Amino acid sequence: MLNLATTLGQAVGPSITSAVKTVTGTSTAAFAISIVMAPCAVGFVLSLRKVR
């Protein structure tokens, strides 16, 4: 599950960042979104349960 989340983020992240930069004309919004999403990702990872 963790590998899927990592791979998905690496695959989709650059496309989303590029789209945000194209729409806004600056990378500042993309960095702001990243700052908000990082704690969300930590919360999701910490909520995963151990496999028995």
PDB file of N, CA and C in Angstrom:
ATOM      1  N   MET A   1       0.826  -1.186   0.000  1.00  0.00           N
ATOM      2  CA  MET A   1       0.000   0.000   0.000  1.00  0.00           C
ATOM      3  C   MET A   1       0.877   1.259   0.000  1.00  0.00           C
ATOM      4  N   LEU A   2       1.914   1.230   0.807  1.00  0.00           N
ATOM      5  CA  LEU A   2       2.802   2.387   0.884  1.00  0.00           C
ATOM      6  C   LEU A   2       3.535   2.598  -0.438  1.00  0.00           C
ATOM      7  N   ASN A   3       3.955   1.510  -1.076  1.00  0.00           N
ATOM      8  CA  ASN A   3       4.627   1.639  -2.374  1.00  0.00           C
ATOM      9  C   ASN A   3       3.688   2.205  -3.426  1.00  0.00           C
ATOM     10  N   LEU A   4       2.426   1.807  -3.389  1.00  0.00           N
ATOM     11  CA  LEU A   4       1.446   2.328  -4.336  1.00  0.00           C
ATOM     12  C   LEU A   4       1.273   3.826  -4.145  1.00  0.00           C
ATOM     13  N   ALA A   5       1.179   4.266  -2.907  1.00  0.00           N
ATOM     14  CA  ALA A   5       1.013   5.694  -2.626  1.00  0.00           C
ATOM     15  C   ALA A   5       2.229   6.491  -3.085  1.00  0.00           C
ATOM     16  N   THR A   6       3.404   5.956  -2.861  1.00  0.00           N
ATOM     17  CA  THR A   6       4.625   6.646  -3.273  1.00  0.00           C
ATOM     18  C   THR A   6       4.721   6.742  -4.788  1.00  0.00           C
ATOM     19  N   THR A   7       4.472   5.631  -5.453  1.00  0.00           N
ATOM     20  CA  THR A   7       4.561   5.608  -6.912  1.00  0.00           C
ATOM     21  C   THR A   7       3.508   6.504  -7.545  1.00  0.00           C
ATOM     22  N   LEU A   8       2.309   6.477  -7.016  1.00  0.00           N
ATOM     23  CA  LEU A   8       1.240   7.320  -7.552  1.00  0.00           C
ATOM     24  C   LEU A   8       1.585   8.798  -7.398  1.00  0.00           C
ATOM     25  N   GLY A   9       2.115   9.168  -6.258  1.00  0.00           N
ATOM     26  CA  GLY A   9       2.517  10.554  -6.040  1.00  0.00           C
ATOM     27  C   GLY A   9       3.623  11.000  -6.975  1.00  0.00           C
ATOM     28  N   GLN A  10       4.576  10.119  -7.212  1.00  0.00           N
ATOM     29  CA  GLN A  10       5.679  10.450  -8.119  1.00  0.00           C
ATOM     30  C   GLN A  10       5.215  10.529  -9.566  1.00  0.00           C
ATOM     31  N   ALA A  11       4.196   9.766  -9.907  1.00  0.00           N
ATOM     32  CA  ALA A  11       3.701   9.768 -11.282  1.00  0.00           C
ATOM     33  C   ALA A  11       2.786  10.951 -11.566  1.00  0.00           C
ATOM     34  N   VAL A  12       1.956  11.310 -10.611  1.00  0.00           N
ATOM     35  CA  VAL A  12       0.943  12.346 -10.827  1.00  0.00           C
ATOM     36  C   VAL A  12       1.430  13.732 -10.401  1.00  0.00           C
ATOM     37  N   GLY A  13       2.323  13.795  -9.444  1.00  0.00           N
ATOM     38  CA  GLY A  13       2.792  15.070  -8.905  1.00  0.00           C
ATOM     39  C   GLY A  13       3.316  16.060  -9.925  1.00  0.00           C
ATOM     40  N   PRO A  14       4.221  15.658 -10.800  1.00  0.00           N
ATOM     41  CA  PRO A  14       4.736  16.606 -11.790  1.00  0.00           C
ATOM     42  C   PRO A  14       3.656  17.149 -12.730  1.00  0.00           C
ATOM     43  N   SER A  15       2.703  16.317 -13.088  1.00  0.00           N
ATOM     44  CA  SER A  15       1.617  16.781 -13.967  1.00  0.00           C
ATOM     45  C   SER A  15       0.749  17.817 -13.273  1.00  0.00           C
ATOM     46  N   ILE A  16       0.437  17.569 -12.010  1.00  0.00           N
ATOM     47  CA  ILE A  16      -0.380  18.524 -11.254  1.00  0.00           C
ATOM     48  C   ILE A  16       0.388  19.821 -11.056  1.00  0.00           C
ATOM     49  N   THR A  17       1.666  19.717 -10.717  1.00  0.00           N
ATOM     50  CA  THR A  17       2.486  20.914 -10.532  1.00  0.00           C
ATOM     51  C   THR A  17       2.569  21.725 -11.816  1.00  0.00           C
ATOM     52  N   SER A  18       2.749  21.046 -12.927  1.00  0.00           N
ATOM     53  CA  SER A  18       2.808  21.731 -14.217  1.00  0.00           C
ATOM     54  C   SER A  18       1.491  22.422 -14.541  1.00  0.00           C
ATOM     55  N   ALA A  19       0.381  21.763 -14.263  1.00  0.00           N
ATOM     56  CA  ALA A  19      -0.930  22.361 -14.529  1.00  0.00           C
ATOM     57  C   ALA A  19      -1.165  23.586 -13.658  1.00  0.00           C
ATOM     58  N   VAL A  20      -0.789  23.501 -12.382  1.00  0.00           N
ATOM     59  CA  VAL A  20      -0.960  24.645 -11.480  1.00  0.00           C
ATOM     60  C   VAL A  20      -0.098  25.808 -11.938  1.00  0.00           C
ATOM     61  N   LYS A  21       1.143  25.521 -12.342  1.00  0.00           N
ATOM     62  CA  LYS A  21       2.029  26.594 -12.806  1.00  0.00           C
ATOM     63  C   LYS A  21       1.511  27.216 -14.097  1.00  0.00           C
ATOM     64  N   THR A  22       0.956  26.403 -14.979  1.00  0.00           N
ATOM     65  CA  THR A  22       0.405  26.927 -16.230  1.00  0.00           C
ATOM     66  C   THR A  22      -0.789  27.839 -15.966  1.00  0.00           C
ATOM     67  N   VAL A  23      -1.650  27.438 -15.057  1.00  0.00           N
ATOM     68  CA  VAL A  23      -2.853  28.222 -14.763  1.00  0.00           C
ATOM     69  C   VAL A  23      -2.509  29.505 -14.021  1.00  0.00           C
ATOM     70  N   THR A  24      -1.631  29.418 -13.016  1.00  0.00           N
ATOM     71  CA  THR A  24      -1.343  30.590 -12.187  1.00  0.00           C
ATOM     72  C   THR A  24      -0.184  31.426 -12.713  1.00  0.00           C
ATOM     73  N   GLY A  25       0.695  30.838 -13.504  1.00  0.00           N
ATOM     74  CA  GLY A  25       1.843  31.564 -14.032  1.00  0.00           C
ATOM     75  C   GLY A  25       3.021  31.620 -13.085  1.00  0.00           C
ATOM     76  N   THR A  26       2.915  30.995 -11.930  1.00  0.00           N
ATOM     77  CA  THR A  26       4.003  30.995 -10.957  1.00  0.00           C
ATOM     78  C   THR A  26       4.035  29.665 -10.211  1.00  0.00           C
ATOM     79  N   SER A  27       5.175  29.338  -9.643  1.00  0.00           N
ATOM     80  CA  SER A  27       5.304  28.098  -8.881  1.00  0.00           C
ATOM     81  C   SER A  27       4.868  28.258  -7.433  1.00  0.00           C
ATOM     82  N   THR A  28       4.590  29.469  -7.007  1.00  0.00           N
ATOM     83  CA  THR A  28       4.238  29.725  -5.609  1.00  0.00           C
ATOM     84  C   THR A  28       3.006  28.945  -5.186  1.00  0.00           C
ATOM     85  N   ALA A  29       1.987  28.914  -6.022  1.00  0.00           N
ATOM     86  CA  ALA A  29       0.767  28.176  -5.682  1.00  0.00           C
ATOM     87  C   ALA A  29       1.048  26.682  -5.570  1.00  0.00           C
ATOM     88  N   ALA A  30       1.894  26.161  -6.436  1.00  0.00           N
ATOM     89  CA  ALA A  30       2.235  24.741  -6.377  1.00  0.00           C
ATOM     90  C   ALA A  30       2.952  24.411  -5.067  1.00  0.00           C
ATOM     91  N   PHE A  31       3.850  25.291  -4.625  1.00  0.00           N
ATOM     92  CA  PHE A  31       4.525  25.068  -3.348  1.00  0.00           C
ATOM     93  C   PHE A  31       3.542  25.153  -2.184  1.00  0.00           C
ATOM     94  N   ALA A  32       2.611  26.081  -2.248  1.00  0.00           N
ATOM     95  CA  ALA A  32       1.606  26.205  -1.186  1.00  0.00           C
ATOM     96  C   ALA A  32       0.751  24.945  -1.103  1.00  0.00           C
ATOM     97  N   ILE A  33       0.361  24.423  -2.244  1.00  0.00           N
ATOM     98  CA  ILE A  33      -0.422  23.185  -2.260  1.00  0.00           C
ATOM     99  C   ILE A  33       0.399  22.036  -1.684  1.00  0.00           C
ATOM    100  N   SER A  34       1.677  21.975  -2.014  1.00  0.00           N
ATOM    101  CA  SER A  34       2.552  20.924  -1.486  1.00  0.00           C
ATOM    102  C   SER A  34       2.675  21.006   0.028  1.00  0.00           C
ATOM    103  N   ILE A  35       2.765  22.225   0.546  1.00  0.00           N
ATOM    104  CA  ILE A  35       2.875  22.417   1.994  1.00  0.00           C
ATOM    105  C   ILE A  35       1.623  21.920   2.698  1.00  0.00           C
ATOM    106  N   VAL A  36       0.471  22.120   2.090  1.00  0.00           N
ATOM    107  CA  VAL A  36      -0.787  21.659   2.687  1.00  0.00           C
ATOM    108  C   VAL A  36      -0.928  20.142   2.553  1.00  0.00           C
ATOM    109  N   MET A  37      -0.517  19.592   1.424  1.00  0.00           N
ATOM    110  CA  MET A  37      -0.706  18.167   1.169  1.00  0.00           C
ATOM    111  C   MET A  37       0.252  17.275   1.966  1.00  0.00           C
ATOM    112  N   ALA A  38       1.428  17.773   2.311  1.00  0.00           N
ATOM    113  CA  ALA A  38       2.406  16.950   3.032  1.00  0.00           C
ATOM    114  C   ALA A  38       1.873  16.460   4.381  1.00  0.00           C
ATOM    115  N   PRO A  39       1.317  17.328   5.246  1.00  0.00           N
ATOM    116  CA  PRO A  39       0.760  16.818   6.501  1.00  0.00           C
ATOM    117  C   PRO A  39      -0.431  15.881   6.286  1.00  0.00           C
ATOM    118  N   CYS A  40      -1.200  16.123   5.224  1.00  0.00           N
ATOM    119  CA  CYS A  40      -2.306  15.214   4.905  1.00  0.00           C
ATOM    120  C   CYS A  40      -1.768  13.825   4.580  1.00  0.00           C
ATOM    121  N   ALA A  41      -0.703  13.766   3.810  1.00  0.00           N
ATOM    122  CA  ALA A  41      -0.091  12.484   3.451  1.00  0.00           C
ATOM    123  C   ALA A  41       0.444  11.768   4.685  1.00  0.00           C
ATOM    124  N   VAL A  42       1.052  12.515   5.586  1.00  0.00           N
ATOM    125  CA  VAL A  42       1.561  11.919   6.828  1.00  0.00           C
ATOM    126  C   VAL A  42       0.413  11.309   7.620  1.00  0.00           C
ATOM    127  N   GLY A  43      -0.692  12.037   7.703  1.00  0.00           N
ATOM    128  CA  GLY A  43      -1.857  11.520   8.419  1.00  0.00           C
ATOM    129  C   GLY A  43      -2.392  10.240   7.807  1.00  0.00           C
ATOM    130  N   PHE A  44      -2.452  10.184   6.484  1.00  0.00           N
ATOM    131  CA  PHE A  44      -2.931   8.973   5.825  1.00  0.00           C
ATOM    132  C   PHE A  44      -1.987   7.799   6.051  1.00  0.00           C
ATOM    133  N   VAL A  45      -0.699   8.032   5.978  1.00  0.00           N
ATOM    134  CA  VAL A  45       0.269   6.952   6.187  1.00  0.00           C
ATOM    135  C   VAL A  45       0.207   6.451   7.622  1.00  0.00           C
ATOM    136  N   LEU A  46       0.093   7.352   8.572  1.00  0.00           N
ATOM    137  CA  LEU A  46       0.029   6.936   9.971  1.00  0.00           C
ATOM    138  C   LEU A  46      -1.265   6.205  10.301  1.00  0.00           C
ATOM    139  N   SER A  47      -2.306   6.414   9.513  1.00  0.00           N
ATOM    140  CA  SER A  47      -3.574   5.736   9.778  1.00  0.00           C
ATOM    141  C   SER A  47      -3.601   4.306   9.237  1.00  0.00           C
ATOM    142  N   LEU A  48      -2.597   3.916   8.453  1.00  0.00           N
ATOM    143  CA  LEU A  48      -2.538   2.545   7.943  1.00  0.00           C
ATOM    144  C   LEU A  48      -2.280   1.582   9.088  1.00  0.00           C
ATOM    145  N   ARG A  49      -2.952   0.467   9.034  1.00  0.00           N
ATOM    146  CA  ARG A  49      -2.772  -0.536  10.086  1.00  0.00           C
ATOM    147  C   ARG A  49      -1.734  -1.563   9.651  1.00  0.00           C
ATOM    148  N   LYS A  50      -1.139  -2.203  10.629  1.00  0.00           N
ATOM    149  CA  LYS A  50      -0.155  -3.244  10.340  1.00  0.00           C
ATOM    150  C   LYS A  50      -0.859  -4.487   9.811  1.00  0.00           C
ATOM    151  N   VAL A  51      -0.173  -5.197   8.927  1.00  0.00           N
ATOM    152  CA  VAL A  51      -0.690  -6.450   8.399  1.00  0.00           C
ATOM    153  C   VAL A  51      -0.315  -7.556   9.363  1.00  0.00           C
ATOM    154  N   ARG A  52      -1.260  -8.422   9.645  1.00  0.00           N
ATOM    155  CA  ARG A  52      -0.971  -9.514  10.589  1.00  0.00           C
ATOM    156  C   ARG A  52      -0.413 -10.700   9.885  1.00  0.00           C
TER     157      ARG A  52
END
